[in-house]
Protein backbone atom coordinates (compact mmCIF):
# COMPACT_ATOMS: atom_id res chain seq x y z
CA VAL A 1 0.00 0.00 0.00
CA TYR A 2 1.07 3.61 -0.55
CA ILE A 3 1.20 5.58 2.69
CA ASP A 4 1.82 9.29 3.26
CA MET A 5 5.49 9.54 4.25
CA ASP A 6 4.58 11.97 7.03
CA ARG A 7 2.54 9.18 8.62
CA LEU A 8 5.65 7.03 9.09
CA ARG A 9 7.80 7.10 12.21
CA PRO A 10 11.31 5.71 12.92
CA ASN A 11 11.65 2.68 15.18
CA SER A 12 13.56 3.16 18.45
CA LYS A 13 14.65 -0.50 18.26
CA ASN A 14 16.32 0.01 14.89
CA GLU A 15 20.04 0.43 15.65
CA TYR A 16 21.32 0.48 12.07
CA LYS A 17 23.21 3.56 10.91
CA MET A 18 21.38 6.13 8.78
CA SER A 19 24.28 6.68 6.36
CA GLU A 20 24.54 7.73 2.69
CA ILE A 21 21.01 9.16 2.59
CA GLU A 22 22.04 11.64 -0.15
CA LYS A 23 23.39 8.83 -2.34
CA LEU A 24 20.28 6.72 -1.80
CA SER A 25 18.02 9.66 -2.67
CA SER A 26 19.83 10.03 -6.00
CA MET A 27 19.22 6.33 -6.73
CA ILE A 28 15.52 6.67 -5.87
CA LYS A 29 15.25 9.71 -8.15
CA LEU A 30 16.94 7.83 -10.98
CA ALA A 31 14.67 4.81 -10.49
CA GLY A 32 11.53 6.93 -10.45
CA GLY A 33 10.62 5.95 -6.90
CA ILE A 34 11.24 3.33 -4.22
CA TRP A 35 11.24 -0.19 -5.68
CA GLN A 36 11.63 -2.15 -2.44
CA ASN A 37 8.72 -1.65 -0.08
CA ILE A 38 9.25 -0.13 3.35
CA ILE A 39 8.01 -2.58 6.00
CA VAL A 40 5.89 -1.00 8.72
CA LYS A 41 3.87 -2.06 11.73
CA PRO A 42 0.09 -1.49 11.69
CA ALA A 43 -1.04 2.06 12.40
CA ASP A 44 -1.31 3.14 16.00
CA SER A 45 -4.33 4.88 17.53
CA HIS A 46 -3.15 8.20 16.02
CA GLY A 47 -2.77 6.78 12.51
CA TYR A 48 1.04 6.59 12.48
CA TYR A 49 3.03 3.61 11.21
CA THR A 50 6.31 2.55 12.84
CA ILE A 51 9.01 1.45 10.41
CA THR A 52 10.43 -2.04 10.82
CA THR A 53 12.70 -1.95 7.76
CA GLY A 54 13.46 0.82 5.29
CA GLU A 55 14.13 3.91 7.40
CA ARG A 56 16.97 4.99 5.07
CA ARG A 57 14.62 4.78 2.06
CA TRP A 58 12.01 6.80 3.95
CA ARG A 59 14.55 9.49 4.90
CA ALA A 60 15.88 9.60 1.33
CA ALA A 61 12.33 10.05 -0.01
CA GLN A 62 11.78 12.91 2.45
CA LEU A 63 15.01 14.53 1.28
CA LEU A 64 13.88 14.35 -2.36
CA ARG A 65 10.46 15.69 -1.39
CA ASP A 66 12.01 18.65 0.42
CA LYS A 67 14.14 19.40 -2.66
CA GLY A 68 11.08 19.21 -4.91
CA GLU A 69 12.59 16.22 -6.74
CA TYR A 70 10.37 13.35 -5.55
CA PRO A 71 8.36 11.74 -8.41
CA GLU A 72 5.24 13.84 -8.84
CA LYS A 73 3.05 10.82 -9.63
CA LEU A 74 3.64 9.47 -6.10
CA GLY A 75 2.56 12.65 -4.36
CA ASN A 76 3.75 12.44 -0.76
CA THR A 77 3.46 8.65 -0.50
CA VAL A 78 5.92 5.76 -0.28
CA PRO A 79 5.25 2.06 -1.01
CA CYS A 80 4.86 -0.01 2.15
CA THR A 81 4.10 -3.52 3.33
CA ILE A 82 2.24 -3.72 6.65
CA LYS A 83 3.42 -6.54 8.92
CA ASN A 84 2.54 -7.06 12.56
CA PRO A 85 5.45 -8.54 14.61
CA ASP A 86 2.86 -9.80 17.12
CA GLU A 87 1.72 -12.32 14.51
CA ILE A 88 5.13 -14.03 14.45
CA ASP A 89 4.40 -17.56 15.67
CA LEU A 90 7.32 -17.95 18.04
CA PRO A 91 7.55 -18.32 21.86
CA LEU A 92 9.16 -14.88 22.23
CA ASP A 93 8.16 -11.73 24.10
CA ASP A 94 7.08 -8.68 22.08
CA ASP A 95 10.53 -7.03 22.18
CA ALA A 96 12.27 -10.18 20.94
CA LYS A 97 9.66 -10.63 18.20
CA GLU A 98 10.26 -7.11 16.97
CA ASP A 99 14.05 -7.65 17.07
CA PHE A 100 13.56 -10.86 15.10
CA SER A 101 11.45 -9.04 12.51
CA ILE A 102 14.05 -6.27 12.12
CA LEU A 103 16.93 -8.74 11.84
CA VAL A 104 15.42 -11.05 9.21
CA THR A 105 14.32 -8.15 7.01
CA ASN A 106 17.78 -6.53 7.11
CA GLN A 107 19.85 -9.62 6.29
CA TYR A 108 21.09 -8.44 2.91
CA ARG A 109 22.20 -4.90 3.63
CA THR A 110 25.87 -3.92 3.89
CA LYS A 111 26.78 -3.59 7.58
CA THR A 112 29.52 -2.04 9.65
CA ASP A 113 31.36 -3.98 12.37
CA SER A 114 29.28 -2.26 15.04
CA GLU A 115 26.03 -3.19 13.28
CA LEU A 116 27.12 -6.84 13.09
CA PHE A 117 27.97 -6.61 16.78
CA MET A 118 24.47 -5.29 17.52
CA GLU A 119 22.99 -8.16 15.52
CA MET A 120 25.16 -10.68 17.38
CA ARG A 121 23.75 -9.49 20.70
CA LYS A 122 20.17 -9.67 19.49
CA TRP A 123 20.55 -13.12 17.87
CA LYS A 124 22.18 -14.48 21.03
CA ASN A 125 19.17 -13.34 23.08
CA ILE A 126 16.66 -14.72 20.55
CA ILE A 127 18.41 -18.09 20.19
CA SER A 128 18.69 -18.44 23.97
CA LYS A 129 14.94 -17.86 24.38
CA LEU A 130 14.07 -20.27 21.56
CA ARG A 131 16.30 -22.97 23.12
CA LYS A 132 14.64 -22.57 26.51
CA ALA A 133 11.23 -22.85 24.85
CA GLY A 134 12.28 -26.13 23.19
CA VAL A 135 12.12 -24.80 19.61
CA LYS A 136 13.99 -27.20 17.30
CA TYR A 137 14.51 -25.04 14.22
CA LEU A 138 15.47 -21.43 13.58
CA PRO A 139 12.62 -19.96 11.52
CA SER A 140 14.71 -17.49 9.53
CA GLY A 141 16.09 -19.46 6.63
CA TYR A 142 17.60 -22.72 5.45
CA ASP A 143 21.05 -24.31 5.40
CA ASP A 144 23.14 -24.99 2.28
CA GLU A 145 21.16 -28.17 1.61
CA GLY A 146 17.81 -26.41 1.77
CA GLU A 147 16.92 -27.81 5.19
CA PRO A 148 15.59 -25.74 8.13
CA VAL A 149 18.38 -24.55 10.44
CA GLN A 150 18.44 -26.80 13.50
CA ILE A 151 18.89 -25.12 16.88
CA GLN A 152 19.17 -28.11 19.21
CA GLY A 153 22.66 -29.61 19.29
CA LYS A 154 24.25 -26.79 17.31
CA PRO A 155 26.56 -24.27 19.04
CA THR A 156 25.06 -20.80 19.47
CA ARG A 157 28.21 -19.23 18.03
CA THR A 158 27.79 -21.25 14.83
CA LEU A 159 24.11 -20.31 14.55
CA ILE A 160 24.94 -16.62 14.98
CA ALA A 161 27.78 -16.81 12.43
CA ASP A 162 25.41 -18.35 9.89
CA GLN A 163 22.81 -15.62 10.42
CA LEU A 164 25.39 -12.83 10.17
CA GLY A 165 27.25 -14.39 7.24
CA VAL A 166 30.60 -14.26 9.07
CA SER A 167 33.04 -16.79 10.52
CA THR A 168 32.73 -18.23 14.02
CA GLY A 169 36.10 -16.59 14.71
CA GLN A 170 34.60 -13.17 14.05
CA VAL A 171 31.69 -13.95 16.37
CA SER A 172 34.24 -14.98 19.01
CA ARG A 173 35.97 -11.59 18.67
CA MET A 174 32.62 -9.85 19.09
CA GLU A 175 31.97 -11.86 22.24
CA GLN A 176 35.39 -10.85 23.58
CA VAL A 177 34.48 -7.19 23.05
CA ASP A 178 31.01 -7.65 24.55
CA LYS A 179 32.43 -9.26 27.68
CA TYR A 180 35.57 -7.23 28.35
CA ALA A 181 35.42 -3.81 26.63
CA ASN A 182 34.83 -0.98 29.08
CA GLU A 183 32.22 1.70 28.49
CA GLU A 184 34.54 4.23 26.84
CA LEU A 185 36.05 1.68 24.46
CA LEU A 186 32.66 0.27 23.55
CA ASP A 187 31.40 3.78 22.82
CA LEU A 188 34.19 4.35 20.26
CA PHE A 189 33.41 1.02 18.63
CA LEU A 190 29.66 1.63 18.42
CA LYS A 191 30.35 5.03 16.82
CA ASP A 192 32.50 3.22 14.18
CA GLU A 193 35.58 5.14 15.29
CA LEU A 194 37.32 1.79 15.85
CA ASN A 195 36.82 -1.43 13.89
CA LEU A 196 36.29 -4.84 15.48
CA SER A 197 39.91 -5.96 15.20
CA ALA A 198 41.27 -2.86 16.95
CA THR A 199 38.56 -2.93 19.63
CA GLU A 200 39.26 -6.57 20.38
CA LYS A 201 42.98 -5.85 20.87
CA VAL A 202 42.28 -3.08 23.36
CA SER A 203 39.62 -5.12 25.18
CA LYS A 204 42.31 -7.63 26.21
CA LEU A 205 43.91 -4.97 28.41
CA SER A 206 42.86 -4.12 31.94
CA SER A 207 40.02 -1.61 32.28
CA ASP A 208 42.47 1.12 33.39
CA ASP A 209 44.74 0.45 30.42
CA GLN A 210 41.76 0.47 28.09
CA GLU A 211 40.88 3.91 29.41
CA THR A 212 44.44 5.14 28.80
CA VAL A 213 44.46 3.79 25.23
CA VAL A 214 41.10 5.42 24.51
CA GLU A 215 42.45 8.76 25.73
CA HIS A 216 45.50 8.34 23.46
CA ILE A 217 43.24 7.71 20.49
CA LYS A 218 40.89 10.60 21.26
CA HIS A 219 43.67 13.17 21.68
CA ASN A 220 45.96 11.79 18.97
CA PRO A 221 43.73 10.64 16.08
CA GLU A 222 46.77 9.98 13.90
CA THR A 223 48.13 7.46 16.41
CA SER A 224 47.46 3.83 15.51
CA VAL A 225 45.83 1.52 18.03
CA ASP A 226 48.96 -0.63 18.14
CA ASP A 227 51.09 2.42 19.01
CA ALA A 228 48.62 3.51 21.70
CA ILE A 229 48.69 0.01 23.23
CA ARG A 230 52.49 -0.10 23.09
CA LYS A 231 52.85 3.28 24.81
CA THR A 232 50.38 2.26 27.51
CA THR A 233 51.96 -1.12 28.23
CA GLN A 234 55.45 0.42 28.23
CA LYS A 235 54.36 2.88 30.90
CA GLU A 236 52.96 0.01 32.95
CA ARG A 237 56.23 -1.90 32.68
CA ILE A 238 58.16 1.20 33.78
CA LYS A 239 55.85 1.59 36.79
CA VAL A 240 56.39 -2.04 37.77
CA LYS A 241 60.19 -1.71 37.47
CA SER A 242 60.17 1.48 39.52
CA SER A 243 58.06 -0.18 42.19
CA ASP A 244 60.49 -3.11 42.33
CA LEU A 245 63.47 -0.80 42.73
CA GLU A 246 61.76 1.15 45.51
CA SER A 247 60.98 -2.06 47.38
CA GLN A 248 64.61 -3.14 47.10
CA VAL A 249 65.82 0.20 48.46
């Protein structure tokens, strides 16, 4: 259905980056409109629809509209598909159902390390709840042989890797960051100021050393992560040696 774009609202649970809107708007203009429907939840009591998938397309359409370049034949509307996450037949709470809906409808977009990390966290929660409920198969696709993806007896890390389209080693690095990165380091990572590899390296340090490395990076953007780690660990070694000498004296 075609819905007035001013009747659509962003979803607070959507943690994907809203990047390259200008580029996407040019593609929509060239194509004569949006070809892939925006997926929305049913209208609320005020007549507004919350976006499940397609917020970038919606924002790009608004940008074209504001420039006076949106296809005239479409008026102020965008093509949508209305889907209610509550109708997902899974033993999940409403939040997990909505996360599941967002994840499966965003599987084929290009993602940053931090977006994959976000997906890893959400899939881990969903898979854990499905296991506890005794669900045997993951209802989001099929394996290489065309069979439903089995949950029982398959490691969670492997299931997550398959859903994200990455190696189990990369999922392991994400788990390292999730478990050991302090708040300041995680903030840099989630802002895409550090990639996964660099964040994982720093997360292996103590929390105090992580904080020191983060300060190095913030105040010296040209400094590599490896250099910041080396300077921090060298200072720690000097402190230890000085402490040893003082104890001997």
